[in-house]
């Protein structure tokens, strides 16, 4: 399943949520330098979906806050996690 999300690195907390426009967002603690934020994002999403890190792949947006990711998990698992997310924060 392909996910489109906007990442805000260097945040005080780790959080996955939807903004007012319905865009999936991720706040992560890792800084945006030397690929640290991308590696941390993969780990964070793997924990959120209960899958291995190798099941999360960044397809595009390596140097951009807007990313496309391939999540190799059952569609109902992904849908369950996404439906439980909070709105605007």
C-alpha atoms as a PDB file:
ATOM      1  CA  UNK A   1       0.000   0.000   0.000  1.00  0.00           C
ATOM      2  CA  UNK A   2       1.365   3.429  -0.918  1.00  0.00           C
ATOM      3  CA  UNK A   3       1.071   6.217   1.643  1.00  0.00           C
ATOM      4  CA  UNK A   4       1.587   9.912   1.006  1.00  0.00           C
ATOM      5  CA  UNK A   5       2.643  11.877   4.036  1.00  0.00           C
ATOM      6  CA  UNK A   6       4.304  15.083   5.162  1.00  0.00           C
ATOM      7  CA  UNK A   7       7.128  14.776   7.670  1.00  0.00           C
ATOM      8  CA  UNK A   8       8.203  17.360  10.238  1.00  0.00           C
ATOM      9  CA  UNK A   9      11.610  16.333  11.599  1.00  0.00           C
ATOM     10  CA  UNK A  10      13.143  17.801  14.750  1.00  0.00           C
ATOM     11  CA  UNK A  11       9.859  17.733  16.680  1.00  0.00           C
ATOM     12  CA  UNK A  12       9.610  17.288  20.440  1.00  0.00           C
ATOM     13  CA  UNK A  13       7.404  14.213  20.034  1.00  0.00           C
ATOM     14  CA  UNK A  14       6.786  11.364  17.620  1.00  0.00           C
ATOM     15  CA  UNK A  15       3.246  11.467  16.282  1.00  0.00           C
ATOM     16  CA  UNK A  16       1.257  10.313  13.280  1.00  0.00           C
ATOM     17  CA  UNK A  17      -1.887  12.363  12.574  1.00  0.00           C
ATOM     18  CA  UNK A  18      -4.134  13.937   9.935  1.00  0.00           C
ATOM     19  CA  UNK A  19      -4.084  17.729   9.428  1.00  0.00           C
ATOM     20  CA  UNK A  20      -7.129  19.917   8.721  1.00  0.00           C
ATOM     21  CA  UNK A  21      -6.904  19.167   4.987  1.00  0.00           C
ATOM     22  CA  UNK A  22      -6.897  15.424   5.619  1.00  0.00           C
ATOM     23  CA  UNK A  23      -3.189  15.021   4.771  1.00  0.00           C
ATOM     24  CA  UNK A  24      -1.327  12.347   6.733  1.00  0.00           C
ATOM     25  CA  UNK A  25       1.492  13.925   8.761  1.00  0.00           C
ATOM     26  CA  UNK A  26       4.307  12.574  10.889  1.00  0.00           C
ATOM     27  CA  UNK A  27       6.183  14.529  13.534  1.00  0.00           C
ATOM     28  CA  UNK A  28       9.455  12.839  14.403  1.00  0.00           C
ATOM     29  CA  UNK A  29      12.254  13.638  16.841  1.00  0.00           C
ATOM     30  CA  UNK A  30      15.138  12.889  14.471  1.00  0.00           C
ATOM     31  CA  UNK A  31      16.901  15.849  12.835  1.00  0.00           C
ATOM     32  CA  UNK A  32      16.774  16.394   9.067  1.00  0.00           C
ATOM     33  CA  UNK A  33      20.451  15.757   8.419  1.00  0.00           C
ATOM     34  CA  UNK A  34      22.479  12.979   6.815  1.00  0.00           C
ATOM     35  CA  UNK A  35      19.412  10.787   6.247  1.00  0.00           C
ATOM     36  CA  UNK A  36      18.714  10.455   9.983  1.00  0.00           C
ATOM     37  CA  UNK A  37      15.094  11.605   9.640  1.00  0.00           C
ATOM     38  CA  UNK A  38      14.383   9.156   6.804  1.00  0.00           C
ATOM     39  CA  UNK A  39      15.855   6.204   8.730  1.00  0.00           C
ATOM     40  CA  UNK A  40      13.968   7.207  11.868  1.00  0.00           C
ATOM     41  CA  UNK A  41      10.733   7.639   9.899  1.00  0.00           C
ATOM     42  CA  UNK A  42      11.011   4.073   8.573  1.00  0.00           C
ATOM     43  CA  UNK A  43      11.551   2.761  12.129  1.00  0.00           C
ATOM     44  CA  UNK A  44       8.691   4.883  13.499  1.00  0.00           C
ATOM     45  CA  UNK A  45       6.204   3.748  10.857  1.00  0.00           C
ATOM     46  CA  UNK A  46       7.245   0.108  11.270  1.00  0.00           C
ATOM     47  CA  UNK A  47       6.451   0.394  15.008  1.00  0.00           C
ATOM     48  CA  UNK A  48       3.114   2.123  14.311  1.00  0.00           C
ATOM     49  CA  UNK A  49       1.971  -0.583  11.888  1.00  0.00           C
ATOM     50  CA  UNK A  50       3.520  -3.493  13.810  1.00  0.00           C
ATOM     51  CA  UNK A  51       5.697  -4.592  10.888  1.00  0.00           C
ATOM     52  CA  UNK A  52       9.425  -4.942  10.227  1.00  0.00           C
ATOM     53  CA  UNK A  53      11.547  -2.015   9.042  1.00  0.00           C
ATOM     54  CA  UNK A  54      12.172  -3.874   5.786  1.00  0.00           C
ATOM     55  CA  UNK A  55       8.408  -3.672   5.127  1.00  0.00           C
ATOM     56  CA  UNK A  56       8.559   0.140   4.940  1.00  0.00           C
ATOM     57  CA  UNK A  57      10.253   1.730   1.941  1.00  0.00           C
ATOM     58  CA  UNK A  58      10.540   5.386   0.948  1.00  0.00           C
ATOM     59  CA  UNK A  59       9.661   5.544  -2.753  1.00  0.00           C
ATOM     60  CA  UNK A  60      10.117   9.282  -3.298  1.00  0.00           C
ATOM     61  CA  UNK A  61      10.775  12.467  -1.354  1.00  0.00           C
ATOM     62  CA  UNK A  62      14.143  11.580   0.165  1.00  0.00           C
ATOM     63  CA  UNK A  63      15.077  15.272   0.501  1.00  0.00           C
ATOM     64  CA  UNK A  64      11.537  16.643   0.638  1.00  0.00           C
ATOM     65  CA  UNK A  65       9.056  16.773   3.544  1.00  0.00           C
ATOM     66  CA  UNK A  66       6.386  15.291   1.234  1.00  0.00           C
ATOM     67  CA  UNK A  67       7.092  11.586   0.911  1.00  0.00           C
ATOM     68  CA  UNK A  68       5.617   8.520  -0.768  1.00  0.00           C
ATOM     69  CA  UNK A  69       6.136   5.274   1.089  1.00  0.00           C
ATOM     70  CA  UNK A  70       5.396   1.654   0.272  1.00  0.00           C
ATOM     71  CA  UNK A  71       4.013  -0.175   3.305  1.00  0.00           C
ATOM     72  CA  UNK A  72       4.082  -3.965   2.914  1.00  0.00           C
ATOM     73  CA  UNK A  73       1.283  -4.866   5.306  1.00  0.00           C
ATOM     74  CA  UNK A  74      -2.251  -6.138   5.079  1.00  0.00           C
ATOM     75  CA  UNK A  75      -4.653  -3.406   3.944  1.00  0.00           C
ATOM     76  CA  UNK A  76      -6.921  -3.939   6.941  1.00  0.00           C
ATOM     77  CA  UNK A  77      -3.978  -3.483   9.349  1.00  0.00           C
ATOM     78  CA  UNK A  78      -3.014  -0.189   7.711  1.00  0.00           C
ATOM     79  CA  UNK A  79      -6.645   0.960   7.616  1.00  0.00           C
ATOM     80  CA  UNK A  80      -7.110   0.120  11.312  1.00  0.00           C
ATOM     81  CA  UNK A  81      -4.051   2.155  12.335  1.00  0.00           C
ATOM     82  CA  UNK A  82      -5.024   5.111  10.132  1.00  0.00           C
ATOM     83  CA  UNK A  83      -8.645   5.110  11.321  1.00  0.00           C
ATOM     84  CA  UNK A  84      -7.439   5.363  14.922  1.00  0.00           C
ATOM     85  CA  UNK A  85      -5.380   8.513  14.313  1.00  0.00           C
ATOM     86  CA  UNK A  86      -6.277  11.903  15.687  1.00  0.00           C
ATOM     87  CA  UNK A  87      -7.160  14.864  13.551  1.00  0.00           C
ATOM     88  CA  UNK A  88      -5.511  18.284  13.567  1.00  0.00           C
ATOM     89  CA  UNK A  89      -2.703  18.853  16.036  1.00  0.00           C
END
